[in-house]
N, C-alpha and C. Protein backbone atom coordinates (compact mmCIF):
# COMPACT_ATOMS: atom_id res chain seq x y z
N MET A 1 105.00 98.76 75.92
CA MET A 1 105.03 99.29 77.25
C MET A 1 104.73 98.16 78.22
N THR A 2 105.42 98.20 79.33
CA THR A 2 105.25 97.13 80.29
C THR A 2 104.01 97.34 81.13
N GLY A 3 103.34 96.27 81.47
CA GLY A 3 102.06 96.34 82.14
C GLY A 3 102.09 96.93 83.54
N ASN A 4 103.14 96.68 84.31
CA ASN A 4 103.19 97.15 85.68
C ASN A 4 104.20 98.28 85.86
N ALA A 5 104.44 99.06 84.84
CA ALA A 5 105.46 100.09 84.89
C ALA A 5 105.17 101.14 85.95
N HIS A 6 103.90 101.39 86.23
CA HIS A 6 103.56 102.41 87.22
C HIS A 6 104.12 102.09 88.60
N ILE A 7 104.32 100.83 88.91
CA ILE A 7 104.86 100.42 90.20
C ILE A 7 106.31 100.91 90.35
N LYS A 8 107.05 100.90 89.26
CA LYS A 8 108.46 101.29 89.29
C LYS A 8 108.66 102.80 89.34
N MET A 9 107.60 103.58 89.21
CA MET A 9 107.73 105.02 89.18
C MET A 9 107.40 105.64 90.54
N THR A 10 107.61 104.91 91.62
CA THR A 10 107.36 105.43 92.95
C THR A 10 108.15 106.72 93.16
N GLY A 11 107.48 107.74 93.64
CA GLY A 11 108.12 109.03 93.86
C GLY A 11 108.11 109.93 92.64
N ASN A 12 107.67 109.41 91.51
CA ASN A 12 107.59 110.19 90.28
C ASN A 12 106.14 110.65 90.12
N PRO A 13 105.93 111.94 89.82
CA PRO A 13 104.55 112.42 89.71
C PRO A 13 103.82 111.91 88.46
N TRP A 14 104.55 111.38 87.48
CA TRP A 14 103.93 110.86 86.26
C TRP A 14 103.47 109.43 86.49
N ARG A 15 102.33 109.09 85.91
CA ARG A 15 101.74 107.75 86.03
C ARG A 15 101.33 107.26 84.65
N PHE A 16 101.12 105.95 84.55
CA PHE A 16 100.65 105.34 83.32
C PHE A 16 99.34 104.63 83.60
N ASP A 17 98.30 104.98 82.85
CA ASP A 17 97.00 104.33 82.97
C ASP A 17 96.92 103.24 81.92
N GLU A 18 96.96 101.99 82.36
CA GLU A 18 96.95 100.87 81.43
C GLU A 18 95.66 100.79 80.62
N GLY A 19 94.55 101.21 81.21
CA GLY A 19 93.27 101.14 80.52
C GLY A 19 93.18 102.09 79.33
N THR A 20 93.60 103.34 79.55
CA THR A 20 93.54 104.34 78.48
C THR A 20 94.85 104.47 77.72
N GLU A 21 95.90 103.87 78.25
CA GLU A 21 97.25 103.99 77.71
C GLU A 21 97.69 105.44 77.61
N ASN A 22 97.37 106.20 78.66
CA ASN A 22 97.82 107.58 78.78
C ASN A 22 98.88 107.68 79.85
N ILE A 23 99.85 108.52 79.60
CA ILE A 23 100.80 108.92 80.63
C ILE A 23 100.24 110.23 81.16
N PHE A 24 100.17 110.36 82.48
CA PHE A 24 99.53 111.56 83.02
C PHE A 24 100.18 112.03 84.31
N ILE A 25 99.92 113.29 84.62
CA ILE A 25 100.36 113.88 85.88
C ILE A 25 99.15 114.55 86.51
N THR A 26 98.96 114.32 87.79
CA THR A 26 97.89 114.97 88.54
C THR A 26 98.51 116.16 89.23
N PHE A 27 97.98 117.34 88.95
CA PHE A 27 98.59 118.55 89.48
C PHE A 27 98.64 118.57 91.00
N GLU A 28 97.57 118.16 91.65
CA GLU A 28 97.54 118.18 93.11
C GLU A 28 98.62 117.26 93.69
N ALA A 29 98.70 116.04 93.17
CA ALA A 29 99.68 115.08 93.66
C ALA A 29 101.11 115.55 93.41
N ALA A 30 101.32 116.30 92.34
CA ALA A 30 102.65 116.80 92.01
C ALA A 30 102.97 118.12 92.70
N GLY A 31 101.99 118.65 93.44
CA GLY A 31 102.19 119.93 94.12
C GLY A 31 102.21 121.12 93.19
N ILE A 32 101.52 120.99 92.05
CA ILE A 32 101.49 122.06 91.05
C ILE A 32 100.31 122.97 91.34
N LYS A 33 100.59 124.24 91.46
CA LYS A 33 99.54 125.24 91.64
C LYS A 33 99.33 125.98 90.33
N GLY A 34 98.10 126.22 89.96
CA GLY A 34 97.82 126.99 88.75
C GLY A 34 98.16 126.26 87.47
N GLY A 35 97.87 124.96 87.42
CA GLY A 35 98.18 124.18 86.23
C GLY A 35 97.23 124.42 85.08
N GLY A 36 96.26 125.27 85.27
CA GLY A 36 95.29 125.53 84.21
C GLY A 36 93.91 125.10 84.62
N ASP A 37 93.03 124.93 83.64
CA ASP A 37 91.64 124.57 83.92
C ASP A 37 91.49 123.13 84.38
N ALA A 38 92.36 122.25 83.95
CA ALA A 38 92.24 120.83 84.27
C ALA A 38 93.07 120.49 85.51
N ASP A 39 92.74 119.38 86.13
CA ASP A 39 93.50 118.89 87.28
C ASP A 39 94.56 117.88 86.87
N VAL A 40 94.45 117.40 85.63
CA VAL A 40 95.33 116.35 85.14
C VAL A 40 95.81 116.71 83.73
N TYR A 41 97.06 116.39 83.43
CA TYR A 41 97.59 116.59 82.09
C TYR A 41 97.93 115.22 81.52
N TYR A 42 97.35 114.90 80.37
CA TYR A 42 97.51 113.59 79.74
C TYR A 42 98.39 113.67 78.50
N ILE A 43 99.16 112.60 78.29
CA ILE A 43 99.89 112.40 77.05
C ILE A 43 99.50 111.01 76.54
N PRO A 44 98.83 110.92 75.40
CA PRO A 44 98.50 109.60 74.86
C PRO A 44 99.78 108.86 74.47
N ALA A 45 99.98 107.69 75.03
CA ALA A 45 101.19 106.93 74.75
C ALA A 45 101.31 106.60 73.26
N ALA A 46 100.19 106.51 72.58
CA ALA A 46 100.21 106.20 71.14
C ALA A 46 100.88 107.29 70.32
N THR A 47 101.02 108.49 70.89
CA THR A 47 101.66 109.59 70.17
C THR A 47 103.18 109.61 70.37
N LEU A 48 103.70 108.64 71.11
CA LEU A 48 105.12 108.62 71.44
C LEU A 48 105.82 107.46 70.73
N THR A 49 105.71 107.42 69.42
CA THR A 49 106.24 106.28 68.67
C THR A 49 107.56 106.56 67.97
N SER A 50 108.06 107.78 68.06
CA SER A 50 109.34 108.10 67.43
C SER A 50 110.08 109.12 68.29
N PRO A 51 111.39 109.19 68.14
CA PRO A 51 112.16 110.19 68.89
C PRO A 51 111.67 111.62 68.65
N SER A 52 111.28 111.93 67.42
CA SER A 52 110.83 113.30 67.14
C SER A 52 109.51 113.61 67.87
N GLU A 53 108.63 112.61 68.01
CA GLU A 53 107.38 112.85 68.74
C GLU A 53 107.65 113.06 70.22
N VAL A 54 108.59 112.30 70.78
CA VAL A 54 108.95 112.49 72.19
C VAL A 54 109.52 113.89 72.40
N LEU A 55 110.40 114.31 71.50
CA LEU A 55 110.97 115.66 71.60
C LEU A 55 109.90 116.74 71.43
N ASP A 56 108.95 116.51 70.56
CA ASP A 56 107.85 117.47 70.39
C ASP A 56 107.08 117.64 71.70
N TRP A 57 106.77 116.53 72.38
CA TRP A 57 106.06 116.62 73.66
C TRP A 57 106.90 117.34 74.70
N LEU A 58 108.19 117.01 74.77
CA LEU A 58 109.06 117.68 75.75
C LEU A 58 109.14 119.18 75.46
N ALA A 59 109.23 119.55 74.20
CA ALA A 59 109.27 120.97 73.84
C ALA A 59 107.96 121.66 74.20
N GLN A 60 106.83 121.00 73.93
CA GLN A 60 105.53 121.57 74.26
C GLN A 60 105.40 121.74 75.77
N LEU A 61 105.79 120.73 76.52
CA LEU A 61 105.68 120.82 77.98
C LEU A 61 106.61 121.88 78.56
N SER A 62 107.77 122.06 77.96
CA SER A 62 108.72 123.04 78.49
C SER A 62 108.17 124.47 78.44
N GLU A 63 107.15 124.68 77.62
CA GLU A 63 106.51 125.99 77.52
C GLU A 63 105.48 126.23 78.62
N LYS A 64 105.09 125.16 79.32
CA LYS A 64 104.09 125.29 80.39
C LYS A 64 104.73 125.91 81.62
N THR A 65 104.03 126.82 82.25
CA THR A 65 104.59 127.48 83.44
C THR A 65 104.80 126.50 84.59
N TRP A 66 104.03 125.44 84.64
CA TRP A 66 104.15 124.47 85.73
C TRP A 66 105.18 123.39 85.48
N ALA A 67 105.74 123.34 84.27
CA ALA A 67 106.67 122.26 83.90
C ALA A 67 108.08 122.61 84.36
N THR A 68 108.36 122.32 85.61
CA THR A 68 109.69 122.56 86.17
C THR A 68 110.68 121.52 85.63
N ASN A 69 111.95 121.73 85.90
CA ASN A 69 112.95 120.74 85.51
C ASN A 69 112.66 119.39 86.16
N GLU A 70 112.17 119.41 87.39
CA GLU A 70 111.83 118.17 88.08
C GLU A 70 110.67 117.44 87.38
N ILE A 71 109.66 118.19 86.96
CA ILE A 71 108.52 117.60 86.25
C ILE A 71 108.97 117.01 84.91
N LEU A 72 109.77 117.75 84.15
CA LEU A 72 110.25 117.27 82.86
C LEU A 72 111.17 116.07 83.04
N GLY A 73 112.04 116.13 84.04
CA GLY A 73 112.92 114.99 84.32
C GLY A 73 112.13 113.76 84.72
N GLY A 74 111.06 113.97 85.49
CA GLY A 74 110.20 112.86 85.88
C GLY A 74 109.56 112.21 84.67
N LEU A 75 109.16 113.02 83.70
CA LEU A 75 108.57 112.47 82.48
C LEU A 75 109.60 111.64 81.72
N VAL A 76 110.81 112.14 81.61
CA VAL A 76 111.86 111.38 80.91
C VAL A 76 112.10 110.05 81.61
N ARG A 77 112.15 110.06 82.95
CA ARG A 77 112.35 108.81 83.69
C ARG A 77 111.16 107.87 83.48
N ALA A 78 109.95 108.41 83.48
CA ALA A 78 108.74 107.59 83.25
C ALA A 78 108.77 106.97 81.86
N LEU A 79 109.13 107.75 80.86
CA LEU A 79 109.20 107.24 79.50
C LEU A 79 110.23 106.12 79.38
N ASP A 80 111.32 106.25 80.12
CA ASP A 80 112.35 105.21 80.10
C ASP A 80 111.81 103.93 80.74
N VAL A 81 111.16 104.05 81.89
CA VAL A 81 110.58 102.89 82.57
C VAL A 81 109.56 102.19 81.68
N LEU A 82 108.79 102.97 80.95
CA LEU A 82 107.75 102.42 80.07
C LEU A 82 108.32 101.84 78.77
N GLY A 83 109.61 102.03 78.53
CA GLY A 83 110.23 101.49 77.34
C GLY A 83 110.10 102.35 76.10
N VAL A 84 109.60 103.57 76.27
CA VAL A 84 109.41 104.46 75.12
C VAL A 84 110.74 104.95 74.56
N LEU A 85 111.75 105.08 75.41
CA LEU A 85 113.04 105.62 74.96
C LEU A 85 113.99 104.57 74.42
N ARG A 86 113.52 103.34 74.32
CA ARG A 86 114.39 102.26 73.82
C ARG A 86 114.11 101.94 72.39
């Protein structure tokens, strides 16, 4: 994953925390209401090492009431910027 990838995701609600190596979305910043008990949803980048793991995360997220097509598309774009899809 590239070190400054978060800079290239301007306008995307997903972010990458280089310290924890988590990909995350902040519900407030994304305009999500009722995202659950937490204010942030994290995906550990270490769990995204194969195409099947990426698909598992996308399938899991698609079940969330707050995961709109825009949110899911933003995650796919973020994963591409971070080099996960290559």
